[in-house]
């Protein structure tokens, strides 16, 4: 069962589908992709849930930056440049 943050994030990504379906689709579409294998571990439902929760927090913060929210980045400051697939 997905948490409320993951449900919000999934509904922002695909409002036409149920959030649970979006979470399963994202997980199983990317599960065997070589880009997501980290140290021999593939993507899990919990990974997708955590990512969608963080995405929901980020979207809420960017929607109304003047509104005070409890969102705090986990690692403030400069971050390394992410490695993304060439097709992005």
PDB file of N, CA and C in Angstrom:
ATOM      1  N   UNK A   1       0.850  -1.178   0.000  1.00  0.00           N
ATOM      2  CA  UNK A   1       0.000   0.000   0.000  1.00  0.00           C
ATOM      3  C   UNK A   1       0.895   1.241   0.000  1.00  0.00           C
ATOM      4  N   UNK A   2       0.658   2.100  -0.942  1.00  0.00           N
ATOM      5  CA  UNK A   2       1.468   3.307  -1.079  1.00  0.00           C
ATOM      6  C   UNK A   2       1.072   4.344  -0.030  1.00  0.00           C
ATOM      7  N   UNK A   3       2.056   5.097   0.412  1.00  0.00           N
ATOM      8  CA  UNK A   3       1.808   6.158   1.367  1.00  0.00           C
ATOM      9  C   UNK A   3       1.180   7.371   0.695  1.00  0.00           C
ATOM     10  N   UNK A   4       0.710   8.338   1.483  1.00  0.00           N
ATOM     11  CA  UNK A   4       0.028   9.506   0.919  1.00  0.00           C
ATOM     12  C   UNK A   4       0.928  10.357   0.026  1.00  0.00           C
ATOM     13  N   UNK A   5       2.206  10.457   0.355  1.00  0.00           N
ATOM     14  CA  UNK A   5       3.119  11.238  -0.474  1.00  0.00           C
ATOM     15  C   UNK A   5       3.327  10.601  -1.838  1.00  0.00           C
ATOM     16  N   UNK A   6       3.456   9.278  -1.864  1.00  0.00           N
ATOM     17  CA  UNK A   6       3.633   8.569  -3.131  1.00  0.00           C
ATOM     18  C   UNK A   6       2.367   8.653  -3.973  1.00  0.00           C
ATOM     19  N   UNK A   7       1.216   8.604  -3.332  1.00  0.00           N
ATOM     20  CA  UNK A   7      -0.050   8.726  -4.063  1.00  0.00           C
ATOM     21  C   UNK A   7      -0.153  10.103  -4.711  1.00  0.00           C
ATOM     22  N   UNK A   8       0.223  11.138  -3.967  1.00  0.00           N
ATOM     23  CA  UNK A   8       0.202  12.495  -4.529  1.00  0.00           C
ATOM     24  C   UNK A   8       1.171  12.615  -5.708  1.00  0.00           C
ATOM     25  N   UNK A   9       2.381  12.107  -5.540  1.00  0.00           N
ATOM     26  CA  UNK A   9       3.368  12.170  -6.612  1.00  0.00           C
ATOM     27  C   UNK A   9       2.933  11.411  -7.853  1.00  0.00           C
ATOM     28  N   UNK A  10       2.358  10.221  -7.669  1.00  0.00           N
ATOM     29  CA  UNK A  10       1.898   9.418  -8.801  1.00  0.00           C
ATOM     30  C   UNK A  10       0.732  10.091  -9.512  1.00  0.00           C
ATOM     31  N   UNK A  11      -0.154  10.729  -8.760  1.00  0.00           N
ATOM     32  CA  UNK A  11      -1.291  11.398  -9.402  1.00  0.00           C
ATOM     33  C   UNK A  11      -0.841  12.642 -10.162  1.00  0.00           C
ATOM     34  N   UNK A  12       0.275  13.238  -9.775  1.00  0.00           N
ATOM     35  CA  UNK A  12       0.818  14.365 -10.531  1.00  0.00           C
ATOM     36  C   UNK A  12       1.458  13.902 -11.839  1.00  0.00           C
ATOM     37  N   UNK A  13       2.050  12.728 -11.829  1.00  0.00           N
ATOM     38  CA  UNK A  13       2.693  12.200 -13.036  1.00  0.00           C
ATOM     39  C   UNK A  13       1.655  11.771 -14.065  1.00  0.00           C
ATOM     40  N   UNK A  14       0.628  11.067 -13.617  1.00  0.00           N
ATOM     41  CA  UNK A  14      -0.398  10.586 -14.543  1.00  0.00           C
ATOM     42  C   UNK A  14      -1.769  10.710 -13.890  1.00  0.00           C
ATOM     43  N   UNK A  15      -2.433  11.868 -14.033  1.00  0.00           N
ATOM     44  CA  UNK A  15      -3.723  12.068 -13.373  1.00  0.00           C
ATOM     45  C   UNK A  15      -4.847  11.187 -13.919  1.00  0.00           C
ATOM     46  N   UNK A  16      -4.670  10.624 -15.107  1.00  0.00           N
ATOM     47  CA  UNK A  16      -5.722   9.805 -15.712  1.00  0.00           C
ATOM     48  C   UNK A  16      -5.794   8.399 -15.125  1.00  0.00           C
ATOM     49  N   UNK A  17      -4.743   7.956 -14.446  1.00  0.00           N
ATOM     50  CA  UNK A  17      -4.705   6.596 -13.892  1.00  0.00           C
ATOM     51  C   UNK A  17      -4.796   6.627 -12.380  1.00  0.00           C
ATOM     52  N   UNK A  18      -5.138   5.482 -11.823  1.00  0.00           N
ATOM     53  CA  UNK A  18      -5.093   5.355 -10.363  1.00  0.00           C
ATOM     54  C   UNK A  18      -3.627   5.410  -9.934  1.00  0.00           C
ATOM     55  N   UNK A  19      -3.328   6.073  -8.807  1.00  0.00           N
ATOM     56  CA  UNK A  19      -1.929   6.183  -8.375  1.00  0.00           C
ATOM     57  C   UNK A  19      -1.238   4.831  -8.211  1.00  0.00           C
ATOM     58  N   UNK A  20      -1.958   3.835  -7.701  1.00  0.00           N
ATOM     59  CA  UNK A  20      -1.345   2.515  -7.501  1.00  0.00           C
ATOM     60  C   UNK A  20      -0.918   1.910  -8.835  1.00  0.00           C
ATOM     61  N   UNK A  21      -1.732   2.120  -9.883  1.00  0.00           N
ATOM     62  CA  UNK A  21      -1.378   1.600 -11.210  1.00  0.00           C
ATOM     63  C   UNK A  21      -0.133   2.293 -11.748  1.00  0.00           C
ATOM     64  N   UNK A  22      -0.030   3.595 -11.530  1.00  0.00           N
ATOM     65  CA  UNK A  22       1.154   4.329 -11.980  1.00  0.00           C
ATOM     66  C   UNK A  22       2.397   3.808 -11.281  1.00  0.00           C
ATOM     67  N   UNK A  23       2.310   3.553  -9.982  1.00  0.00           N
ATOM     68  CA  UNK A  23       3.458   3.043  -9.221  1.00  0.00           C
ATOM     69  C   UNK A  23       3.889   1.674  -9.751  1.00  0.00           C
ATOM     70  N   UNK A  24       2.942   0.773  -9.974  1.00  0.00           N
ATOM     71  CA  UNK A  24       3.282  -0.548 -10.502  1.00  0.00           C
ATOM     72  C   UNK A  24       3.864  -0.445 -11.908  1.00  0.00           C
ATOM     73  N   UNK A  25       3.258   0.402 -12.744  1.00  0.00           N
ATOM     74  CA  UNK A  25       3.766   0.551 -14.114  1.00  0.00           C
ATOM     75  C   UNK A  25       5.197   1.061 -14.120  1.00  0.00           C
ATOM     76  N   UNK A  26       5.471   2.079 -13.321  1.00  0.00           N
ATOM     77  CA  UNK A  26       6.831   2.616 -13.264  1.00  0.00           C
ATOM     78  C   UNK A  26       7.817   1.567 -12.781  1.00  0.00           C
ATOM     79  N   UNK A  27       7.419   0.808 -11.787  1.00  0.00           N
ATOM     80  CA  UNK A  27       8.310  -0.204 -11.227  1.00  0.00           C
ATOM     81  C   UNK A  27       8.620  -1.290 -12.244  1.00  0.00           C
ATOM     82  N   UNK A  28       7.595  -1.857 -12.847  1.00  0.00           N
ATOM     83  CA  UNK A  28       7.818  -2.997 -13.721  1.00  0.00           C
ATOM     84  C   UNK A  28       8.351  -2.591 -15.085  1.00  0.00           C
ATOM     85  N   UNK A  29       8.096  -1.359 -15.525  1.00  0.00           N
ATOM     86  CA  UNK A  29       8.681  -0.898 -16.782  1.00  0.00           C
ATOM     87  C   UNK A  29      10.188  -0.698 -16.647  1.00  0.00           C
ATOM     88  N   UNK A  30      10.638  -0.276 -15.480  1.00  0.00           N
ATOM     89  CA  UNK A  30      12.050   0.054 -15.282  1.00  0.00           C
ATOM     90  C   UNK A  30      12.835  -1.010 -14.519  1.00  0.00           C
ATOM     91  N   UNK A  31      12.183  -2.051 -14.052  1.00  0.00           N
ATOM     92  CA  UNK A  31      12.822  -3.020 -13.159  1.00  0.00           C
ATOM     93  C   UNK A  31      14.082  -3.649 -13.744  1.00  0.00           C
ATOM     94  N   UNK A  32      14.050  -4.028 -14.996  1.00  0.00           N
ATOM     95  CA  UNK A  32      15.192  -4.723 -15.597  1.00  0.00           C
ATOM     96  C   UNK A  32      16.061  -3.825 -16.456  1.00  0.00           C
ATOM     97  N   UNK A  33      15.798  -2.540 -16.435  1.00  0.00           N
ATOM     98  CA  UNK A  33      16.599  -1.626 -17.247  1.00  0.00           C
ATOM     99  C   UNK A  33      17.992  -1.517 -16.637  1.00  0.00           C
ATOM    100  N   UNK A  34      19.041  -1.605 -17.458  1.00  0.00           N
ATOM    101  CA  UNK A  34      20.412  -1.607 -16.909  1.00  0.00           C
ATOM    102  C   UNK A  34      20.770  -0.317 -16.163  1.00  0.00           C
ATOM    103  N   UNK A  35      20.143   0.778 -16.488  1.00  0.00           N
ATOM    104  CA  UNK A  35      20.464   2.060 -15.840  1.00  0.00           C
ATOM    105  C   UNK A  35      20.094   2.040 -14.352  1.00  0.00           C
ATOM    106  N   UNK A  36      19.067   1.294 -13.959  1.00  0.00           N
ATOM    107  CA  UNK A  36      18.616   1.338 -12.569  1.00  0.00           C
ATOM    108  C   UNK A  36      19.278   0.292 -11.678  1.00  0.00           C
ATOM    109  N   UNK A  37      20.106  -0.559 -12.229  1.00  0.00           N
ATOM    110  CA  UNK A  37      20.791  -1.544 -11.400  1.00  0.00           C
ATOM    111  C   UNK A  37      21.894  -0.854 -10.616  1.00  0.00           C
ATOM    112  N   UNK A  38      21.798  -0.913  -9.313  1.00  0.00           N
ATOM    113  CA  UNK A  38      22.802  -0.314  -8.445  1.00  0.00           C
ATOM    114  C   UNK A  38      23.435  -1.394  -7.586  1.00  0.00           C
ATOM    115  N   UNK A  39      24.686  -1.638  -7.833  1.00  0.00           N
ATOM    116  CA  UNK A  39      25.423  -2.641  -7.051  1.00  0.00           C
ATOM    117  C   UNK A  39      24.692  -3.982  -6.990  1.00  0.00           C
ATOM    118  N   UNK A  40      24.183  -4.412  -8.122  1.00  0.00           N
ATOM    119  CA  UNK A  40      23.523  -5.706  -8.197  1.00  0.00           C
ATOM    120  C   UNK A  40      22.096  -5.721  -7.706  1.00  0.00           C
ATOM    121  N   UNK A  41      21.513  -4.562  -7.434  1.00  0.00           N
ATOM    122  CA  UNK A  41      20.145  -4.505  -6.913  1.00  0.00           C
ATOM    123  C   UNK A  41      19.264  -3.772  -7.912  1.00  0.00           C
ATOM    124  N   UNK A  42      18.120  -4.362  -8.225  1.00  0.00           N
ATOM    125  CA  UNK A  42      17.218  -3.721  -9.182  1.00  0.00           C
ATOM    126  C   UNK A  42      16.222  -2.828  -8.437  1.00  0.00           C
ATOM    127  N   UNK A  43      15.434  -2.127  -9.206  1.00  0.00           N
ATOM    128  CA  UNK A  43      14.417  -1.234  -8.676  1.00  0.00           C
ATOM    129  C   UNK A  43      13.330  -2.027  -7.956  1.00  0.00           C
ATOM    130  N   UNK A  44      12.853  -1.528  -6.821  1.00  0.00           N
ATOM    131  CA  UNK A  44      11.780  -2.178  -6.076  1.00  0.00           C
ATOM    132  C   UNK A  44      10.596  -1.222  -5.950  1.00  0.00           C
ATOM    133  N   UNK A  45       9.472  -1.752  -5.511  1.00  0.00           N
ATOM    134  CA  UNK A  45       8.298  -0.907  -5.276  1.00  0.00           C
ATOM    135  C   UNK A  45       8.592   0.166  -4.235  1.00  0.00           C
ATOM    136  N   UNK A  46       9.368  -0.158  -3.231  1.00  0.00           N
ATOM    137  CA  UNK A  46       9.708   0.814  -2.195  1.00  0.00           C
ATOM    138  C   UNK A  46      10.552   1.954  -2.755  1.00  0.00           C
ATOM    139  N   UNK A  47      11.469   1.636  -3.684  1.00  0.00           N
ATOM    140  CA  UNK A  47      12.265   2.680  -4.330  1.00  0.00           C
ATOM    141  C   UNK A  47      11.373   3.665  -5.075  1.00  0.00           C
ATOM    142  N   UNK A  48      10.405   3.122  -5.824  1.00  0.00           N
ATOM    143  CA  UNK A  48       9.491   3.975  -6.583  1.00  0.00           C
ATOM    144  C   UNK A  48       8.624   4.790  -5.631  1.00  0.00           C
ATOM    145  N   UNK A  49       8.138   4.167  -4.579  1.00  0.00           N
ATOM    146  CA  UNK A  49       7.310   4.882  -3.607  1.00  0.00           C
ATOM    147  C   UNK A  49       8.091   6.040  -2.979  1.00  0.00           C
ATOM    148  N   UNK A  50       9.310   5.787  -2.574  1.00  0.00           N
ATOM    149  CA  UNK A  50      10.123   6.848  -1.960  1.00  0.00           C
ATOM    150  C   UNK A  50      10.396   7.981  -2.942  1.00  0.00           C
ATOM    151  N   UNK A  51      10.696   7.633  -4.181  1.00  0.00           N
ATOM    152  CA  UNK A  51      10.968   8.646  -5.195  1.00  0.00           C
ATOM    153  C   UNK A  51       9.728   9.483  -5.490  1.00  0.00           C
ATOM    154  N   UNK A  52       8.568   8.842  -5.594  1.00  0.00           N
ATOM    155  CA  UNK A  52       7.336   9.578  -5.859  1.00  0.00           C
ATOM    156  C   UNK A  52       6.959  10.478  -4.687  1.00  0.00           C
ATOM    157  N   UNK A  53       7.243  10.035  -3.488  1.00  0.00           N
ATOM    158  CA  UNK A  53       6.989  10.858  -2.305  1.00  0.00           C
ATOM    159  C   UNK A  53       7.848  12.127  -2.362  1.00  0.00           C
ATOM    160  N   UNK A  54       9.119  11.967  -2.669  1.00  0.00           N
ATOM    161  CA  UNK A  54      10.006  13.124  -2.783  1.00  0.00           C
ATOM    162  C   UNK A  54       9.590  14.027  -3.940  1.00  0.00           C
ATOM    163  N   UNK A  55       9.148  13.430  -5.041  1.00  0.00           N
ATOM    164  CA  UNK A  55       8.680  14.222  -6.173  1.00  0.00           C
ATOM    165  C   UNK A  55       7.446  15.035  -5.788  1.00  0.00           C
ATOM    166  N   UNK A  56       6.524  14.423  -5.032  1.00  0.00           N
ATOM    167  CA  UNK A  56       5.335  15.138  -4.577  1.00  0.00           C
ATOM    168  C   UNK A  56       5.692  16.321  -3.695  1.00  0.00           C
ATOM    169  N   UNK A  57       6.683  16.148  -2.823  1.00  0.00           N
ATOM    170  CA  UNK A  57       7.139  17.254  -1.966  1.00  0.00           C
ATOM    171  C   UNK A  57       7.746  18.373  -2.805  1.00  0.00           C
ATOM    172  N   UNK A  58       8.550  17.984  -3.778  1.00  0.00           N
ATOM    173  CA  UNK A  58       9.192  18.981  -4.638  1.00  0.00           C
ATOM    174  C   UNK A  58       8.148  19.750  -5.447  1.00  0.00           C
ATOM    175  N   UNK A  59       7.186  19.030  -6.007  1.00  0.00           N
ATOM    176  CA  UNK A  59       6.140  19.682  -6.804  1.00  0.00           C
ATOM    177  C   UNK A  59       5.321  20.631  -5.944  1.00  0.00           C
ATOM    178  N   UNK A  60       5.018  20.226  -4.734  1.00  0.00           N
ATOM    179  CA  UNK A  60       4.255  21.091  -3.819  1.00  0.00           C
ATOM    180  C   UNK A  60       5.041  22.353  -3.494  1.00  0.00           C
ATOM    181  N   UNK A  61       6.330  22.234  -3.311  1.00  0.00           N
ATOM    182  CA  UNK A  61       7.175  23.384  -2.999  1.00  0.00           C
ATOM    183  C   UNK A  61       7.278  24.342  -4.190  1.00  0.00           C
ATOM    184  N   UNK A  62       7.410  23.799  -5.395  1.00  0.00           N
ATOM    185  CA  UNK A  62       7.558  24.655  -6.567  1.00  0.00           C
ATOM    186  C   UNK A  62       6.235  25.260  -7.012  1.00  0.00           C
ATOM    187  N   UNK A  63       5.117  24.642  -6.630  1.00  0.00           N
ATOM    188  CA  UNK A  63       3.803  25.179  -6.974  1.00  0.00           C
ATOM    189  C   UNK A  63       3.583  26.555  -6.364  1.00  0.00           C
ATOM    190  N   UNK A  64       3.935  26.683  -5.117  1.00  0.00           N
ATOM    191  CA  UNK A  64       3.722  27.929  -4.398  1.00  0.00           C
ATOM    192  C   UNK A  64       4.931  28.180  -3.497  1.00  0.00           C
ATOM    193  N   UNK A  65       5.990  28.780  -4.047  1.00  0.00           N
ATOM    194  CA  UNK A  65       7.219  28.923  -3.268  1.00  0.00           C
ATOM    195  C   UNK A  65       7.090  29.849  -2.060  1.00  0.00           C
ATOM    196  N   UNK A  66       6.101  30.717  -2.045  1.00  0.00           N
ATOM    197  CA  UNK A  66       5.952  31.631  -0.905  1.00  0.00           C
ATOM    198  C   UNK A  66       5.236  30.993   0.275  1.00  0.00           C
ATOM    199  N   UNK A  67       4.517  29.928   0.007  1.00  0.00           N
ATOM    200  CA  UNK A  67       3.811  29.236   1.082  1.00  0.00           C
ATOM    201  C   UNK A  67       4.813  28.455   1.914  1.00  0.00           C
ATOM    202  N   UNK A  68       4.719  28.576   3.207  1.00  0.00           N
ATOM    203  CA  UNK A  68       5.652  27.855   4.086  1.00  0.00           C
ATOM    204  C   UNK A  68       5.244  26.388   4.159  1.00  0.00           C
ATOM    205  N   UNK A  69       6.211  25.518   3.875  1.00  0.00           N
ATOM    206  CA  UNK A  69       5.972  24.081   3.973  1.00  0.00           C
ATOM    207  C   UNK A  69       7.072  23.454   4.816  1.00  0.00           C
ATOM    208  N   UNK A  70       6.865  22.220   5.173  1.00  0.00           N
ATOM    209  CA  UNK A  70       7.836  21.497   5.993  1.00  0.00           C
ATOM    210  C   UNK A  70       8.928  20.849   5.140  1.00  0.00           C
ATOM    211  N   UNK A  71       8.891  21.070   3.823  1.00  0.00           N
ATOM    212  CA  UNK A  71       9.874  20.418   2.941  1.00  0.00           C
ATOM    213  C   UNK A  71      11.272  20.977   3.182  1.00  0.00           C
ATOM    214  N   UNK A  72      12.194  20.084   3.398  1.00  0.00           N
ATOM    215  CA  UNK A  72      13.603  20.431   3.508  1.00  0.00           C
ATOM    216  C   UNK A  72      14.375  19.407   2.686  1.00  0.00           C
ATOM    217  N   UNK A  73      15.238  19.877   1.787  1.00  0.00           N
ATOM    218  CA  UNK A  73      16.004  18.905   1.006  1.00  0.00           C
ATOM    219  C   UNK A  73      16.882  18.045   1.916  1.00  0.00           C
ATOM    220  N   UNK A  74      17.023  16.803   1.552  1.00  0.00           N
ATOM    221  CA  UNK A  74      17.826  15.888   2.359  1.00  0.00           C
ATOM    222  C   UNK A  74      19.294  16.290   2.366  1.00  0.00           C
ATOM    223  N   UNK A  75      19.773  16.808   1.251  1.00  0.00           N
ATOM    224  CA  UNK A  75      21.174  17.192   1.125  1.00  0.00           C
ATOM    225  C   UNK A  75      21.263  18.592   0.535  1.00  0.00           C
ATOM    226  N   UNK A  76      21.119  19.628   1.362  1.00  0.00           N
ATOM    227  CA  UNK A  76      21.172  20.986   0.818  1.00  0.00           C
ATOM    228  C   UNK A  76      22.568  21.323   0.295  1.00  0.00           C
ATOM    229  N   UNK A  77      22.601  22.312  -0.566  1.00  0.00           N
ATOM    230  CA  UNK A  77      23.885  22.731  -1.127  1.00  0.00           C
ATOM    231  C   UNK A  77      24.117  22.125  -2.497  1.00  0.00           C
ATOM    232  N   UNK A  78      25.320  22.280  -2.970  1.00  0.00           N
ATOM    233  CA  UNK A  78      25.673  21.797  -4.305  1.00  0.00           C
ATOM    234  C   UNK A  78      25.614  20.272  -4.348  1.00  0.00           C
ATOM    235  N   UNK A  79      25.088  19.757  -5.439  1.00  0.00           N
ATOM    236  CA  UNK A  79      24.962  18.318  -5.632  1.00  0.00           C
ATOM    237  C   UNK A  79      25.735  17.915  -6.878  1.00  0.00           C
ATOM    238  N   UNK A  80      26.190  16.667  -6.945  1.00  0.00           N
ATOM    239  CA  UNK A  80      26.868  16.219  -8.160  1.00  0.00           C
ATOM    240  C   UNK A  80      25.877  16.190  -9.329  1.00  0.00           C
ATOM    241  N   UNK A  81      26.392  16.342 -10.515  1.00  0.00           N
ATOM    242  CA  UNK A  81      25.557  16.295 -11.710  1.00  0.00           C
ATOM    243  C   UNK A  81      25.047  14.869 -11.887  1.00  0.00           C
ATOM    244  N   UNK A  82      23.719  14.677 -12.016  1.00  0.00           N
ATOM    245  CA  UNK A  82      23.189  13.314 -12.155  1.00  0.00           C
ATOM    246  C   UNK A  82      23.554  12.718 -13.523  1.00  0.00           C
ATOM    247  N   UNK A  83      23.692  11.419 -13.533  1.00  0.00           N
ATOM    248  CA  UNK A  83      23.943  10.708 -14.788  1.00  0.00           C
ATOM    249  C   UNK A  83      22.598  10.225 -15.285  1.00  0.00           C
ATOM    250  N   UNK A  84      22.200  10.705 -16.449  1.00  0.00           N
ATOM    251  CA  UNK A  84      20.900  10.329 -16.999  1.00  0.00           C
ATOM    252  C   UNK A  84      21.103   9.644 -18.351  1.00  0.00           C
ATOM    253  N   UNK A  85      20.108   8.845 -18.765  1.00  0.00           N
ATOM    254  CA  UNK A  85      20.230   8.187 -20.060  1.00  0.00           C
ATOM    255  C   UNK A  85      20.292   9.202 -21.198  1.00  0.00           C
ATOM    256  N   UNK A  86      20.910   8.829 -22.295  1.00  0.00           N
ATOM    257  CA  UNK A  86      21.099   9.725 -23.436  1.00  0.00           C
ATOM    258  C   UNK A  86      19.762  10.175 -24.031  1.00  0.00           C
ATOM    259  N   UNK A  87      18.708   9.332 -23.922  1.00  0.00           N
ATOM    260  CA  UNK A  87      17.433   9.679 -24.534  1.00  0.00           C
ATOM    261  C   UNK A  87      16.645  10.694 -23.715  1.00  0.00           C
ATOM    262  N   UNK A  88      17.115  11.085 -22.542  1.00  0.00           N
ATOM    263  CA  UNK A  88      16.432  12.121 -21.754  1.00  0.00           C
ATOM    264  C   UNK A  88      16.870  13.431 -22.295  1.00  0.00           C
TER     265      UNK A  88
END
